[in-house]
Amino acid sequence: MLAKIDKDAVNDIVSALRKIEYGSLVITVHDGEVTQIDTTEKKRYKVEGKKRKAQ
């Protein structure tokens, strides 16, 4: 059985996908209906390595 997806849920899912650059989107389904959408966004920063001491 396919989950019932109303228009608002679809719009919210698409909107969340457009906003995320890195992360995850979790769609919770209960009794065949979308009941919750959770997003986790990750921020990545470039870190320069430590400089080695002269020997």
PDB file of N, CA and C in Angstrom:
ATOM      1  N   MET A   1       0.845  -1.195   0.000  1.00  0.00           N
ATOM      2  CA  MET A   1       0.000   0.000   0.000  1.00  0.00           C
ATOM      3  C   MET A   1       0.882   1.246   0.000  1.00  0.00           C
ATOM      4  N   LEU A   2       0.606   2.149  -0.877  1.00  0.00           N
ATOM      5  CA  LEU A   2       1.356   3.395  -0.938  1.00  0.00           C
ATOM      6  C   LEU A   2       0.867   4.370   0.124  1.00  0.00           C
ATOM      7  N   ALA A   3       1.807   5.145   0.645  1.00  0.00           N
ATOM      8  CA  ALA A   3       1.443   6.152   1.642  1.00  0.00           C
ATOM      9  C   ALA A   3       0.592   7.243   0.988  1.00  0.00           C
ATOM     10  N   LYS A   4      -0.365   7.746   1.761  1.00  0.00           N
ATOM     11  CA  LYS A   4      -1.177   8.864   1.298  1.00  0.00           C
ATOM     12  C   LYS A   4      -0.360  10.139   1.523  1.00  0.00           C
ATOM     13  N   ILE A   5      -0.168  10.905   0.462  1.00  0.00           N
ATOM     14  CA  ILE A   5       0.625  12.127   0.580  1.00  0.00           C
ATOM     15  C   ILE A   5      -0.224  13.302   0.133  1.00  0.00           C
ATOM     16  N   ASP A   6      -0.522  14.204   1.061  1.00  0.00           N
ATOM     17  CA  ASP A   6      -1.311  15.363   0.666  1.00  0.00           C
ATOM     18  C   ASP A   6      -0.397  16.432   0.064  1.00  0.00           C
ATOM     19  N   LYS A   7      -1.005  17.385  -0.596  1.00  0.00           N
ATOM     20  CA  LYS A   7      -0.275  18.418  -1.323  1.00  0.00           C
ATOM     21  C   LYS A   7       0.645  19.229  -0.408  1.00  0.00           C
ATOM     22  N   ASP A   8       0.210  19.544   0.806  1.00  0.00           N
ATOM     23  CA  ASP A   8       1.034  20.311   1.749  1.00  0.00           C
ATOM     24  C   ASP A   8       2.298  19.545   2.121  1.00  0.00           C
ATOM     25  N   ALA A   9       2.157  18.240   2.345  1.00  0.00           N
ATOM     26  CA  ALA A   9       3.322  17.429   2.697  1.00  0.00           C
ATOM     27  C   ALA A   9       4.326  17.398   1.545  1.00  0.00           C
ATOM     28  N   VAL A  10       3.836  17.231   0.335  1.00  0.00           N
ATOM     29  CA  VAL A  10       4.716  17.221  -0.841  1.00  0.00           C
ATOM     30  C   VAL A  10       5.456  18.551  -0.954  1.00  0.00           C
ATOM     31  N   ASN A  11       4.737  19.648  -0.802  1.00  0.00           N
ATOM     32  CA  ASN A  11       5.362  20.974  -0.869  1.00  0.00           C
ATOM     33  C   ASN A  11       6.419  21.151   0.216  1.00  0.00           C
ATOM     34  N   ASP A  12       6.131  20.684   1.425  1.00  0.00           N
ATOM     35  CA  ASP A  12       7.093  20.793   2.521  1.00  0.00           C
ATOM     36  C   ASP A  12       8.336  19.936   2.271  1.00  0.00           C
ATOM     37  N   ILE A  13       8.146  18.747   1.722  1.00  0.00           N
ATOM     38  CA  ILE A  13       9.266  17.858   1.423  1.00  0.00           C
ATOM     39  C   ILE A  13      10.156  18.484   0.348  1.00  0.00           C
ATOM     40  N   VAL A  14       9.556  18.965  -0.712  1.00  0.00           N
ATOM     41  CA  VAL A  14      10.325  19.591  -1.798  1.00  0.00           C
ATOM     42  C   VAL A  14      11.050  20.832  -1.288  1.00  0.00           C
ATOM     43  N   SER A  15      10.391  21.621  -0.479  1.00  0.00           N
ATOM     44  CA  SER A  15      11.007  22.822   0.081  1.00  0.00           C
ATOM     45  C   SER A  15      12.214  22.463   0.952  1.00  0.00           C
ATOM     46  N   ALA A  16      12.072  21.455   1.781  1.00  0.00           N
ATOM     47  CA  ALA A  16      13.171  21.023   2.642  1.00  0.00           C
ATOM     48  C   ALA A  16      14.349  20.524   1.811  1.00  0.00           C
ATOM     49  N   LEU A  17      14.071  19.785   0.749  1.00  0.00           N
ATOM     50  CA  LEU A  17      15.136  19.285  -0.119  1.00  0.00           C
ATOM     51  C   LEU A  17      15.888  20.417  -0.812  1.00  0.00           C
ATOM     52  N   ARG A  18      15.185  21.450  -1.186  1.00  0.00           N
ATOM     53  CA  ARG A  18      15.833  22.589  -1.850  1.00  0.00           C
ATOM     54  C   ARG A  18      16.728  23.377  -0.899  1.00  0.00           C
ATOM     55  N   LYS A  19      16.384  23.383   0.389  1.00  0.00           N
ATOM     56  CA  LYS A  19      17.138  24.167   1.369  1.00  0.00           C
ATOM     57  C   LYS A  19      18.402  23.458   1.856  1.00  0.00           C
ATOM     58  N   ILE A  20      18.417  22.148   1.832  1.00  0.00           N
ATOM     59  CA  ILE A  20      19.539  21.387   2.384  1.00  0.00           C
ATOM     60  C   ILE A  20      20.665  21.280   1.361  1.00  0.00           C
ATOM     61  N   GLU A  21      21.878  21.637   1.802  1.00  0.00           N
ATOM     62  CA  GLU A  21      23.046  21.426   0.952  1.00  0.00           C
ATOM     63  C   GLU A  21      23.742  20.127   1.350  1.00  0.00           C
ATOM     64  N   TYR A  22      23.905  19.921   2.665  1.00  0.00           N
ATOM     65  CA  TYR A  22      24.448  18.678   3.215  1.00  0.00           C
ATOM     66  C   TYR A  22      23.586  18.305   4.413  1.00  0.00           C
ATOM     67  N   GLY A  23      23.161  17.081   4.504  1.00  0.00           N
ATOM     68  CA  GLY A  23      22.374  16.654   5.651  1.00  0.00           C
ATOM     69  C   GLY A  23      21.430  15.532   5.279  1.00  0.00           C
ATOM     70  N   SER A  24      20.343  15.451   6.030  1.00  0.00           N
ATOM     71  CA  SER A  24      19.394  14.373   5.783  1.00  0.00           C
ATOM     72  C   SER A  24      17.965  14.873   5.973  1.00  0.00           C
ATOM     73  N   LEU A  25      17.068  14.161   5.321  1.00  0.00           N
ATOM     74  CA  LEU A  25      15.638  14.447   5.432  1.00  0.00           C
ATOM     75  C   LEU A  25      14.967  13.125   5.780  1.00  0.00           C
ATOM     76  N   VAL A  26      14.247  13.098   6.902  1.00  0.00           N
ATOM     77  CA  VAL A  26      13.568  11.886   7.354  1.00  0.00           C
ATOM     78  C   VAL A  26      12.065  12.140   7.281  1.00  0.00           C
ATOM     79  N   ILE A  27      11.377  11.262   6.573  1.00  0.00           N
ATOM     80  CA  ILE A  27       9.926  11.368   6.435  1.00  0.00           C
ATOM     81  C   ILE A  27       9.307  10.233   7.242  1.00  0.00           C
ATOM     82  N   THR A  28       8.506  10.580   8.241  1.00  0.00           N
ATOM     83  CA  THR A  28       7.862   9.587   9.096  1.00  0.00           C
ATOM     84  C   THR A  28       6.451   9.320   8.585  1.00  0.00           C
ATOM     85  N   VAL A  29       6.145   8.038   8.427  1.00  0.00           N
ATOM     86  CA  VAL A  29       4.828   7.618   7.943  1.00  0.00           C
ATOM     87  C   VAL A  29       4.169   6.778   9.030  1.00  0.00           C
ATOM     88  N   HIS A  30       2.901   7.075   9.320  1.00  0.00           N
ATOM     89  CA  HIS A  30       2.133   6.329  10.325  1.00  0.00           C
ATOM     90  C   HIS A  30       0.778   5.982   9.709  1.00  0.00           C
ATOM     91  N   ASP A  31       0.440   4.716   9.739  1.00  0.00           N
ATOM     92  CA  ASP A  31      -0.817   4.240   9.144  1.00  0.00           C
ATOM     93  C   ASP A  31      -0.956   4.687   7.693  1.00  0.00           C
ATOM     94  N   GLY A  32       0.152   4.658   6.960  1.00  0.00           N
ATOM     95  CA  GLY A  32       0.115   4.979   5.537  1.00  0.00           C
ATOM     96  C   GLY A  32       0.049   6.456   5.203  1.00  0.00           C
ATOM     97  N   GLU A  33       0.203   7.342   6.197  1.00  0.00           N
ATOM     98  CA  GLU A  33       0.159   8.778   5.950  1.00  0.00           C
ATOM     99  C   GLU A  33       1.414   9.444   6.487  1.00  0.00           C
ATOM    100  N   VAL A  34       1.905  10.452   5.750  1.00  0.00           N
ATOM    101  CA  VAL A  34       3.060  11.223   6.216  1.00  0.00           C
ATOM    102  C   VAL A  34       2.623  12.016   7.438  1.00  0.00           C
ATOM    103  N   THR A  35       3.337  11.797   8.554  1.00  0.00           N
ATOM    104  CA  THR A  35       2.971  12.487   9.786  1.00  0.00           C
ATOM    105  C   THR A  35       4.034  13.475  10.267  1.00  0.00           C
ATOM    106  N   GLN A  36       5.266  13.329   9.758  1.00  0.00           N
ATOM    107  CA  GLN A  36       6.333  14.185  10.269  1.00  0.00           C
ATOM    108  C   GLN A  36       7.474  14.242   9.265  1.00  0.00           C
ATOM    109  N   ILE A  37       8.135  15.396   9.210  1.00  0.00           N
ATOM    110  CA  ILE A  37       9.326  15.572   8.378  1.00  0.00           C
ATOM    111  C   ILE A  37      10.399  16.180   9.271  1.00  0.00           C
ATOM    112  N   ASP A  38      11.557  15.519   9.336  1.00  0.00           N
ATOM    113  CA  ASP A  38      12.685  16.020  10.127  1.00  0.00           C
ATOM    114  C   ASP A  38      13.861  16.279   9.202  1.00  0.00           C
ATOM    115  N   THR A  39      14.517  17.411   9.388  1.00  0.00           N
ATOM    116  CA  THR A  39      15.721  17.695   8.616  1.00  0.00           C
ATOM    117  C   THR A  39      16.897  17.890   9.565  1.00  0.00           C
ATOM    118  N   THR A  40      18.030  17.409   9.137  1.00  0.00           N
ATOM    119  CA  THR A  40      19.277  17.614   9.861  1.00  0.00           C
ATOM    120  C   THR A  40      20.262  18.170   8.852  1.00  0.00           C
ATOM    121  N   GLU A  41      20.731  19.373   9.099  1.00  0.00           N
ATOM    122  CA  GLU A  41      21.671  19.985   8.169  1.00  0.00           C
ATOM    123  C   GLU A  41      23.058  19.991   8.772  1.00  0.00           C
ATOM    124  N   LYS A  42      24.028  19.660   7.963  1.00  0.00           N
ATOM    125  CA  LYS A  42      25.406  19.634   8.411  1.00  0.00           C
ATOM    126  C   LYS A  42      26.131  20.820   7.804  1.00  0.00           C
ATOM    127  N   LYS A  43      26.954  21.458   8.602  1.00  0.00           N
ATOM    128  CA  LYS A  43      27.812  22.546   8.143  1.00  0.00           C
ATOM    129  C   LYS A  43      29.232  22.010   8.123  1.00  0.00           C
ATOM    130  N   ARG A  44      29.902  22.165   7.027  1.00  0.00           N
ATOM    131  CA  ARG A  44      31.268  21.672   6.899  1.00  0.00           C
ATOM    132  C   ARG A  44      32.203  22.866   6.733  1.00  0.00           C
ATOM    133  N   TYR A  45      33.308  22.823   7.479  1.00  0.00           N
ATOM    134  CA  TYR A  45      34.299  23.887   7.418  1.00  0.00           C
ATOM    135  C   TYR A  45      35.648  23.297   7.059  1.00  0.00           C
ATOM    136  N   LYS A  46      36.345  23.961   6.177  1.00  0.00           N
ATOM    137  CA  LYS A  46      37.669  23.499   5.785  1.00  0.00           C
ATOM    138  C   LYS A  46      38.639  23.855   6.905  1.00  0.00           C
ATOM    139  N   VAL A  47      39.370  22.846   7.366  1.00  0.00           N
ATOM    140  CA  VAL A  47      40.337  23.049   8.443  1.00  0.00           C
ATOM    141  C   VAL A  47      41.719  22.767   7.879  1.00  0.00           C
ATOM    142  N   GLU A  48      42.607  23.748   8.037  1.00  0.00           N
ATOM    143  CA  GLU A  48      43.971  23.546   7.568  1.00  0.00           C
ATOM    144  C   GLU A  48      44.714  22.687   8.571  1.00  0.00           C
ATOM    145  N   GLY A  49      45.552  21.779   8.073  1.00  0.00           N
ATOM    146  CA  GLY A  49      46.325  20.898   8.943  1.00  0.00           C
ATOM    147  C   GLY A  49      47.340  21.671   9.769  1.00  0.00           C
ATOM    148  N   LYS A  50      47.778  21.053  10.854  1.00  0.00           N
ATOM    149  CA  LYS A  50      48.785  21.678  11.709  1.00  0.00           C
ATOM    150  C   LYS A  50      50.107  21.756  10.968  1.00  0.00           C
ATOM    151  N   LYS A  51      50.834  22.829  11.186  1.00  0.00           N
ATOM    152  CA  LYS A  51      52.150  22.966  10.570  1.00  0.00           C
ATOM    153  C   LYS A  51      53.142  22.087  11.325  1.00  0.00           C
ATOM    154  N   ARG A  52      53.992  21.411  10.588  1.00  0.00           N
ATOM    155  CA  ARG A  52      55.014  20.558  11.216  1.00  0.00           C
ATOM    156  C   ARG A  52      56.163  21.418  11.719  1.00  0.00           C
ATOM    157  N   LYS A  53      56.728  20.982  12.845  1.00  0.00           N
ATOM    158  CA  LYS A  53      57.888  21.668  13.401  1.00  0.00           C
ATOM    159  C   LYS A  53      59.115  21.325  12.576  1.00  0.00           C
ATOM    160  N   ALA A  54      59.998  22.295  12.398  1.00  0.00           N
ATOM    161  CA  ALA A  54      61.238  22.036  11.668  1.00  0.00           C
ATOM    162  C   ALA A  54      62.111  21.117  12.488  1.00  0.00           C
ATOM    163  N   GLN A  55      62.736  20.142  11.826  1.00  0.00           N
ATOM    164  CA  GLN A  55      63.581  19.193  12.554  1.00  0.00           C
ATOM    165  C   GLN A  55      65.037  19.506  12.400  1.00  0.00           C
TER     166      GLN A  55
END
